[in-house]
Amino acid sequence: MKNCVLALILIFLSVDSISQDLSFARKVIDTLCSKEMYGRGYVKSGDLKAANYIENQFKEIGLKPLLSNYQQKFEFDINTFEN
């Protein structure tokens, strides 16, 4: 019984440490959705700006790249209409 109570106490104490940081999540979402990212589109390199922002966030939290780089290059055809 003592072990069960101790385990429950440890679980309740650790819940706060593994919970999500909603203010940080909101900041990241707001940044990625901002006008400076141009809708993360291709015309004004919003996709590259968003990719660089995400890469910098990975570096800040200490995430190591799987390969030699955080970004994976790919290409595909797209139609764009500039105003």
PDB file of N, CA and C in Angstrom:
ATOM      1  N   MET A   1       0.815  -1.193   0.000  1.00  0.00           N
ATOM      2  CA  MET A   1       0.000   0.000   0.000  1.00  0.00           C
ATOM      3  C   MET A   1       0.863   1.263   0.000  1.00  0.00           C
ATOM      4  N   LYS A   2       1.964   1.229   0.760  1.00  0.00           N
ATOM      5  CA  LYS A   2       2.878   2.364   0.809  1.00  0.00           C
ATOM      6  C   LYS A   2       3.443   2.661  -0.574  1.00  0.00           C
ATOM      7  N   ASN A   3       3.814   1.604  -1.311  1.00  0.00           N
ATOM      8  CA  ASN A   3       4.382   1.788  -2.646  1.00  0.00           C
ATOM      9  C   ASN A   3       3.366   2.407  -3.596  1.00  0.00           C
ATOM     10  N   CYS A   4       2.111   2.012  -3.456  1.00  0.00           N
ATOM     11  CA  CYS A   4       1.048   2.539  -4.315  1.00  0.00           C
ATOM     12  C   CYS A   4       0.845   4.029  -4.052  1.00  0.00           C
ATOM     13  N   VAL A   5       0.821   4.424  -2.798  1.00  0.00           N
ATOM     14  CA  VAL A   5       0.640   5.829  -2.430  1.00  0.00           C
ATOM     15  C   VAL A   5       1.837   6.645  -2.909  1.00  0.00           C
ATOM     16  N   LEU A   6       3.027   6.117  -2.732  1.00  0.00           N
ATOM     17  CA  LEU A   6       4.238   6.806  -3.186  1.00  0.00           C
ATOM     18  C   LEU A   6       4.214   6.978  -4.704  1.00  0.00           C
ATOM     19  N   ALA A   7       3.797   5.956  -5.416  1.00  0.00           N
ATOM     20  CA  ALA A   7       3.715   6.035  -6.871  1.00  0.00           C
ATOM     21  C   ALA A   7       2.709   7.089  -7.304  1.00  0.00           C
ATOM     22  N   LEU A   8       1.563   7.148  -6.641  1.00  0.00           N
ATOM     23  CA  LEU A   8       0.552   8.159  -6.970  1.00  0.00           C
ATOM     24  C   LEU A   8       1.059   9.577  -6.707  1.00  0.00           C
ATOM     25  N   ILE A   9       1.751   9.750  -5.606  1.00  0.00           N
ATOM     26  CA  ILE A   9       2.309  11.068  -5.284  1.00  0.00           C
ATOM     27  C   ILE A   9       3.316  11.483  -6.360  1.00  0.00           C
ATOM     28  N   LEU A  10       4.181  10.571  -6.762  1.00  0.00           N
ATOM     29  CA  LEU A  10       5.165  10.879  -7.800  1.00  0.00           C
ATOM     30  C   LEU A  10       4.499  11.210  -9.134  1.00  0.00           C
ATOM     31  N   ILE A  11       3.444  10.500  -9.460  1.00  0.00           N
ATOM     32  CA  ILE A  11       2.714  10.771 -10.706  1.00  0.00           C
ATOM     33  C   ILE A  11       2.107  12.162 -10.663  1.00  0.00           C
ATOM     34  N   PHE A  12       1.454  12.509  -9.562  1.00  0.00           N
ATOM     35  CA  PHE A  12       0.823  13.823  -9.454  1.00  0.00           C
ATOM     36  C   PHE A  12       1.853  14.952  -9.471  1.00  0.00           C
ATOM     37  N   LEU A  13       3.005  14.718  -8.878  1.00  0.00           N
ATOM     38  CA  LEU A  13       4.044  15.742  -8.882  1.00  0.00           C
ATOM     39  C   LEU A  13       4.663  15.919 -10.269  1.00  0.00           C
ATOM     40  N   SER A  14       4.737  14.839 -11.039  1.00  0.00           N
ATOM     41  CA  SER A  14       5.375  14.918 -12.355  1.00  0.00           C
ATOM     42  C   SER A  14       4.432  15.392 -13.449  1.00  0.00           C
ATOM     43  N   VAL A  15       3.134  15.402 -13.201  1.00  0.00           N
ATOM     44  CA  VAL A  15       2.169  15.826 -14.226  1.00  0.00           C
ATOM     45  C   VAL A  15       2.453  17.254 -14.668  1.00  0.00           C
ATOM     46  N   ASP A  16       2.760  18.124 -13.726  1.00  0.00           N
ATOM     47  CA  ASP A  16       3.029  19.513 -14.071  1.00  0.00           C
ATOM     48  C   ASP A  16       4.293  19.635 -14.918  1.00  0.00           C
ATOM     49  N   SER A  17       5.271  18.798 -14.671  1.00  0.00           N
ATOM     50  CA  SER A  17       6.527  18.904 -15.410  1.00  0.00           C
ATOM     51  C   SER A  17       6.413  18.385 -16.841  1.00  0.00           C
ATOM     52  N   ILE A  18       5.419  17.529 -17.135  1.00  0.00           N
ATOM     53  CA  ILE A  18       5.277  17.025 -18.498  1.00  0.00           C
ATOM     54  C   ILE A  18       4.101  17.660 -19.232  1.00  0.00           C
ATOM     55  N   SER A  19       3.442  18.614 -18.573  1.00  0.00           N
ATOM     56  CA  SER A  19       2.306  19.247 -19.227  1.00  0.00           C
ATOM     57  C   SER A  19       2.788  20.183 -20.329  1.00  0.00           C
ATOM     58  N   GLN A  20       1.897  20.518 -21.233  1.00  0.00           N
ATOM     59  CA  GLN A  20       2.245  21.382 -22.340  1.00  0.00           C
ATOM     60  C   GLN A  20       2.331  22.826 -21.886  1.00  0.00           C
ATOM     61  N   ASP A  21       3.239  23.546 -22.498  1.00  0.00           N
ATOM     62  CA  ASP A  21       3.365  24.981 -22.261  1.00  0.00           C
ATOM     63  C   ASP A  21       2.498  25.678 -23.300  1.00  0.00           C
ATOM     64  N   LEU A  22       1.277  25.997 -22.936  1.00  0.00           N
ATOM     65  CA  LEU A  22       0.321  26.544 -23.886  1.00  0.00           C
ATOM     66  C   LEU A  22       0.727  27.921 -24.397  1.00  0.00           C
ATOM     67  N   SER A  23       1.381  28.718 -23.574  1.00  0.00           N
ATOM     68  CA  SER A  23       1.805  30.035 -24.041  1.00  0.00           C
ATOM     69  C   SER A  23       2.892  29.899 -25.108  1.00  0.00           C
ATOM     70  N   PHE A  24       3.800  28.945 -24.929  1.00  0.00           N
ATOM     71  CA  PHE A  24       4.833  28.697 -25.945  1.00  0.00           C
ATOM     72  C   PHE A  24       4.204  28.159 -27.229  1.00  0.00           C
ATOM     73  N   ALA A  25       3.266  27.240 -27.100  1.00  0.00           N
ATOM     74  CA  ALA A  25       2.588  26.685 -28.273  1.00  0.00           C
ATOM     75  C   ALA A  25       1.852  27.781 -29.038  1.00  0.00           C
ATOM     76  N   ARG A  26       1.179  28.671 -28.309  1.00  0.00           N
ATOM     77  CA  ARG A  26       0.466  29.780 -28.948  1.00  0.00           C
ATOM     78  C   ARG A  26       1.445  30.701 -29.674  1.00  0.00           C
ATOM     79  N   LYS A  27       2.605  30.962 -29.066  1.00  0.00           N
ATOM     80  CA  LYS A  27       3.619  31.825 -29.679  1.00  0.00           C
ATOM     81  C   LYS A  27       4.108  31.225 -30.997  1.00  0.00           C
ATOM     82  N   VAL A  28       4.370  29.935 -30.991  1.00  0.00           N
ATOM     83  CA  VAL A  28       4.846  29.264 -32.208  1.00  0.00           C
ATOM     84  C   VAL A  28       3.770  29.298 -33.295  1.00  0.00           C
ATOM     85  N   ILE A  29       2.536  29.004 -32.927  1.00  0.00           N
ATOM     86  CA  ILE A  29       1.440  29.017 -33.899  1.00  0.00           C
ATOM     87  C   ILE A  29       1.234  30.423 -34.451  1.00  0.00           C
ATOM     88  N   ASP A  30       1.234  31.413 -33.575  1.00  0.00           N
ATOM     89  CA  ASP A  30       1.063  32.792 -34.022  1.00  0.00           C
ATOM     90  C   ASP A  30       2.184  33.221 -34.967  1.00  0.00           C
ATOM     91  N   THR A  31       3.403  32.804 -34.676  1.00  0.00           N
ATOM     92  CA  THR A  31       4.532  33.148 -35.536  1.00  0.00           C
ATOM     93  C   THR A  31       4.396  32.485 -36.899  1.00  0.00           C
ATOM     94  N   LEU A  32       4.078  31.196 -36.925  1.00  0.00           N
ATOM     95  CA  LEU A  32       3.952  30.492 -38.197  1.00  0.00           C
ATOM     96  C   LEU A  32       2.768  31.003 -39.019  1.00  0.00           C
ATOM     97  N   CYS A  33       1.757  31.550 -38.369  1.00  0.00           N
ATOM     98  CA  CYS A  33       0.576  32.069 -39.071  1.00  0.00           C
ATOM     99  C   CYS A  33       0.672  33.566 -39.355  1.00  0.00           C
ATOM    100  N   SER A  34       1.773  34.178 -39.004  1.00  0.00           N
ATOM    101  CA  SER A  34       1.899  35.625 -39.141  1.00  0.00           C
ATOM    102  C   SER A  34       2.067  36.051 -40.602  1.00  0.00           C
ATOM    103  N   LYS A  35       1.854  37.338 -40.830  1.00  0.00           N
ATOM    104  CA  LYS A  35       2.012  37.896 -42.176  1.00  0.00           C
ATOM    105  C   LYS A  35       3.455  37.791 -42.669  1.00  0.00           C
ATOM    106  N   GLU A  36       4.403  37.804 -41.741  1.00  0.00           N
ATOM    107  CA  GLU A  36       5.817  37.713 -42.119  1.00  0.00           C
ATOM    108  C   GLU A  36       6.158  36.376 -42.774  1.00  0.00           C
ATOM    109  N   MET A  37       5.361  35.352 -42.512  1.00  0.00           N
ATOM    110  CA  MET A  37       5.594  34.028 -43.111  1.00  0.00           C
ATOM    111  C   MET A  37       4.845  33.874 -44.437  1.00  0.00           C
ATOM    112  N   TYR A  38       4.087  34.888 -44.838  1.00  0.00           N
ATOM    113  CA  TYR A  38       3.366  34.886 -46.121  1.00  0.00           C
ATOM    114  C   TYR A  38       2.547  33.618 -46.326  1.00  0.00           C
ATOM    115  N   GLY A  39       1.887  33.184 -45.280  1.00  0.00           N
ATOM    116  CA  GLY A  39       1.048  31.988 -45.399  1.00  0.00           C
ATOM    117  C   GLY A  39       1.851  30.724 -45.631  1.00  0.00           C
ATOM    118  N   ARG A  40       3.141  30.791 -45.332  1.00  0.00           N
ATOM    119  CA  ARG A  40       4.070  29.677 -45.566  1.00  0.00           C
ATOM    120  C   ARG A  40       4.034  29.244 -47.029  1.00  0.00           C
ATOM    121  N   GLY A  41       3.741  30.208 -47.921  1.00  0.00           N
ATOM    122  CA  GLY A  41       3.637  29.934 -49.357  1.00  0.00           C
ATOM    123  C   GLY A  41       4.968  30.082 -50.073  1.00  0.00           C
ATOM    124  N   TYR A  42       4.935  29.880 -51.374  1.00  0.00           N
ATOM    125  CA  TYR A  42       6.151  29.820 -52.172  1.00  0.00           C
ATOM    126  C   TYR A  42       6.524  31.147 -52.810  1.00  0.00           C
ATOM    127  N   VAL A  43       5.546  32.005 -53.044  1.00  0.00           N
ATOM    128  CA  VAL A  43       5.787  33.209 -53.833  1.00  0.00           C
ATOM    129  C   VAL A  43       6.815  34.117 -53.178  1.00  0.00           C
ATOM    130  N   LYS A  44       6.711  34.369 -51.917  1.00  0.00           N
ATOM    131  CA  LYS A  44       7.649  35.253 -51.219  1.00  0.00           C
ATOM    132  C   LYS A  44       8.514  34.480 -50.230  1.00  0.00           C
ATOM    133  N   SER A  45       8.756  33.230 -50.517  1.00  0.00           N
ATOM    134  CA  SER A  45       9.614  32.347 -49.706  1.00  0.00           C
ATOM    135  C   SER A  45       9.115  32.175 -48.272  1.00  0.00           C
ATOM    136  N   GLY A  46       7.812  32.243 -48.094  1.00  0.00           N
ATOM    137  CA  GLY A  46       7.255  32.007 -46.763  1.00  0.00           C
ATOM    138  C   GLY A  46       7.535  30.605 -46.266  1.00  0.00           C
ATOM    139  N   ASP A  47       7.581  29.642 -47.187  1.00  0.00           N
ATOM    140  CA  ASP A  47       7.883  28.261 -46.801  1.00  0.00           C
ATOM    141  C   ASP A  47       9.287  28.146 -46.219  1.00  0.00           C
ATOM    142  N   LEU A  48      10.241  28.851 -46.810  1.00  0.00           N
ATOM    143  CA  LEU A  48      11.617  28.804 -46.311  1.00  0.00           C
ATOM    144  C   LEU A  48      11.746  29.537 -44.981  1.00  0.00           C
ATOM    145  N   LYS A  49      11.023  30.636 -44.837  1.00  0.00           N
ATOM    146  CA  LYS A  49      11.047  31.365 -43.568  1.00  0.00           C
ATOM    147  C   LYS A  49      10.484  30.500 -42.445  1.00  0.00           C
ATOM    148  N   ALA A  50       9.388  29.805 -42.733  1.00  0.00           N
ATOM    149  CA  ALA A  50       8.792  28.924 -41.731  1.00  0.00           C
ATOM    150  C   ALA A  50       9.727  27.756 -41.404  1.00  0.00           C
ATOM    151  N   ALA A  51      10.350  27.186 -42.431  1.00  0.00           N
ATOM    152  CA  ALA A  51      11.279  26.069 -42.203  1.00  0.00           C
ATOM    153  C   ALA A  51      12.466  26.508 -41.351  1.00  0.00           C
ATOM    154  N   ASN A  52      12.993  27.697 -41.621  1.00  0.00           N
ATOM    155  CA  ASN A  52      14.121  28.204 -40.829  1.00  0.00           C
ATOM    156  C   ASN A  52      13.703  28.490 -39.390  1.00  0.00           C
ATOM    157  N   TYR A  53      12.483  29.008 -39.206  1.00  0.00           N
ATOM    158  CA  TYR A  53      11.975  29.255 -37.857  1.00  0.00           C
ATOM    159  C   TYR A  53      11.868  27.941 -37.074  1.00  0.00           C
ATOM    160  N   ILE A  54      11.302  26.923 -37.703  1.00  0.00           N
ATOM    161  CA  ILE A  54      11.156  25.618 -37.042  1.00  0.00           C
ATOM    162  C   ILE A  54      12.524  25.027 -36.730  1.00  0.00           C
ATOM    163  N   GLU A  55      13.459  25.153 -37.659  1.00  0.00           N
ATOM    164  CA  GLU A  55      14.816  24.656 -37.422  1.00  0.00           C
ATOM    165  C   GLU A  55      15.443  25.350 -36.217  1.00  0.00           C
ATOM    166  N   ASN A  56      15.287  26.659 -36.123  1.00  0.00           N
ATOM    167  CA  ASN A  56      15.833  27.396 -34.981  1.00  0.00           C
ATOM    168  C   ASN A  56      15.177  26.978 -33.670  1.00  0.00           C
ATOM    169  N   GLN A  57      13.874  26.684 -33.701  1.00  0.00           N
ATOM    170  CA  GLN A  57      13.198  26.203 -32.503  1.00  0.00           C
ATOM    171  C   GLN A  57      13.758  24.850 -32.080  1.00  0.00           C
ATOM    172  N   PHE A  58      14.005  23.972 -33.041  1.00  0.00           N
ATOM    173  CA  PHE A  58      14.611  22.675 -32.734  1.00  0.00           C
ATOM    174  C   PHE A  58      15.971  22.858 -32.066  1.00  0.00           C
ATOM    175  N   LYS A  59      16.780  23.763 -32.604  1.00  0.00           N
ATOM    176  CA  LYS A  59      18.113  24.014 -32.045  1.00  0.00           C
ATOM    177  C   LYS A  59      18.021  24.564 -30.624  1.00  0.00           C
ATOM    178  N   GLU A  60      17.065  25.486 -30.406  1.00  0.00           N
ATOM    179  CA  GLU A  60      16.918  26.093 -29.079  1.00  0.00           C
ATOM    180  C   GLU A  60      16.561  25.085 -27.999  1.00  0.00           C
ATOM    181  N   ILE A  61      15.770  24.078 -28.341  1.00  0.00           N
ATOM    182  CA  ILE A  61      15.392  23.089 -27.321  1.00  0.00           C
ATOM    183  C   ILE A  61      16.394  21.940 -27.236  1.00  0.00           C
ATOM    184  N   GLY A  62      17.436  22.000 -28.089  1.00  0.00           N
ATOM    185  CA  GLY A  62      18.495  21.005 -28.013  1.00  0.00           C
ATOM    186  C   GLY A  62      18.237  19.741 -28.803  1.00  0.00           C
ATOM    187  N   LEU A  63      17.282  19.787 -29.725  1.00  0.00           N
ATOM    188  CA  LEU A  63      16.985  18.624 -30.555  1.00  0.00           C
ATOM    189  C   LEU A  63      18.090  18.444 -31.591  1.00  0.00           C
ATOM    190  N   LYS A  64      18.613  17.263 -31.699  1.00  0.00           N
ATOM    191  CA  LYS A  64      19.676  16.967 -32.661  1.00  0.00           C
ATOM    192  C   LYS A  64      19.069  16.514 -33.982  1.00  0.00           C
ATOM    193  N   PRO A  65      19.686  16.909 -35.104  1.00  0.00           N
ATOM    194  CA  PRO A  65      19.161  16.459 -36.406  1.00  0.00           C
ATOM    195  C   PRO A  65      19.391  14.965 -36.599  1.00  0.00           C
ATOM    196  N   LEU A  66      18.459  14.324 -37.295  1.00  0.00           N
ATOM    197  CA  LEU A  66      18.586  12.895 -37.554  1.00  0.00           C
ATOM    198  C   LEU A  66      19.736  12.628 -38.516  1.00  0.00           C
ATOM    199  N   LEU A  67      19.808  13.422 -39.555  1.00  0.00           N
ATOM    200  CA  LEU A  67      20.897  13.310 -40.523  1.00  0.00           C
ATOM    201  C   LEU A  67      21.845  14.490 -40.308  1.00  0.00           C
ATOM    202  N   SER A  68      22.419  15.006 -41.366  1.00  0.00           N
ATOM    203  CA  SER A  68      23.350  16.116 -41.211  1.00  0.00           C
ATOM    204  C   SER A  68      22.643  17.452 -41.120  1.00  0.00           C
ATOM    205  N   ASN A  69      21.317  17.471 -41.346  1.00  0.00           N
ATOM    206  CA  ASN A  69      20.581  18.716 -41.435  1.00  0.00           C
ATOM    207  C   ASN A  69      19.191  18.522 -40.836  1.00  0.00           C
ATOM    208  N   TYR A  70      18.582  19.612 -40.398  1.00  0.00           N
ATOM    209  CA  TYR A  70      17.217  19.549 -39.873  1.00  0.00           C
ATOM    210  C   TYR A  70      16.185  19.519 -40.990  1.00  0.00           C
ATOM    211  N   GLN A  71      16.561  20.055 -42.158  1.00  0.00           N
ATOM    212  CA  GLN A  71      15.611  20.184 -43.247  1.00  0.00           C
ATOM    213  C   GLN A  71      15.829  19.118 -44.310  1.00  0.00           C
ATOM    214  N   GLN A  72      14.743  18.715 -44.921  1.00  0.00           N
ATOM    215  CA  GLN A  72      14.787  17.739 -46.004  1.00  0.00           C
ATOM    216  C   GLN A  72      14.351  18.443 -47.286  1.00  0.00           C
ATOM    217  N   LYS A  73      15.187  18.399 -48.305  1.00  0.00           N
ATOM    218  CA  LYS A  73      14.882  19.059 -49.570  1.00  0.00           C
ATOM    219  C   LYS A  73      13.962  18.176 -50.408  1.00  0.00           C
ATOM    220  N   PHE A  74      13.003  18.818 -51.058  1.00  0.00           N
ATOM    221  CA  PHE A  74      12.147  18.126 -52.012  1.00  0.00           C
ATOM    222  C   PHE A  74      11.608  19.150 -52.994  1.00  0.00           C
ATOM    223  N   GLU A  75      11.210  18.681 -54.149  1.00  0.00           N
ATOM    224  CA  GLU A  75      10.695  19.561 -55.192  1.00  0.00           C
ATOM    225  C   GLU A  75       9.407  18.993 -55.758  1.00  0.00           C
ATOM    226  N   PHE A  76       8.531  19.892 -56.184  1.00  0.00           N
ATOM    227  CA  PHE A  76       7.328  19.499 -56.899  1.00  0.00           C
ATOM    228  C   PHE A  76       6.823  20.710 -57.676  1.00  0.00           C
ATOM    229  N   ASP A  77       6.150  20.443 -58.762  1.00  0.00           N
ATOM    230  CA  ASP A  77       5.632  21.510 -59.605  1.00  0.00           C
ATOM    231  C   ASP A  77       4.452  22.190 -58.941  1.00  0.00           C
ATOM    232  N   ILE A  78       4.376  23.512 -59.138  1.00  0.00           N
ATOM    233  CA  ILE A  78       3.282  24.278 -58.546  1.00  0.00           C
ATOM    234  C   ILE A  78       2.963  25.459 -59.451  1.00  0.00           C
ATOM    235  N   ASN A  79       1.716  25.804 -59.531  1.00  0.00           N
ATOM    236  CA  ASN A  79       1.292  27.002 -60.248  1.00  0.00           C
ATOM    237  C   ASN A  79       1.142  28.130 -59.246  1.00  0.00           C
ATOM    238  N   THR A  80       1.726  29.280 -59.569  1.00  0.00           N
ATOM    239  CA  THR A  80       1.582  30.440 -58.705  1.00  0.00           C
ATOM    240  C   THR A  80       1.047  31.607 -59.517  1.00  0.00           C
ATOM    241  N   PHE A  81       0.306  32.437 -58.866  1.00  0.00           N
ATOM    242  CA  PHE A  81      -0.274  33.619 -59.488  1.00  0.00           C
ATOM    243  C   PHE A  81       0.126  34.821 -58.651  1.00  0.00           C
ATOM    244  N   GLU A  82       1.075  35.590 -59.138  1.00  0.00           N
ATOM    245  CA  GLU A  82       1.520  36.760 -58.403  1.00  0.00           C
ATOM    246  C   GLU A  82       0.618  37.942 -58.680  1.00  0.00           C
ATOM    247  N   ASN A  83       0.376  38.765 -57.674  1.00  0.00           N
ATOM    248  CA  ASN A  83      -0.457  39.959 -57.846  1.00  0.00           C
ATOM    249  C   ASN A  83       0.381  41.137 -58.266  1.00  0.00           C
TER     250      ASN A  83
END
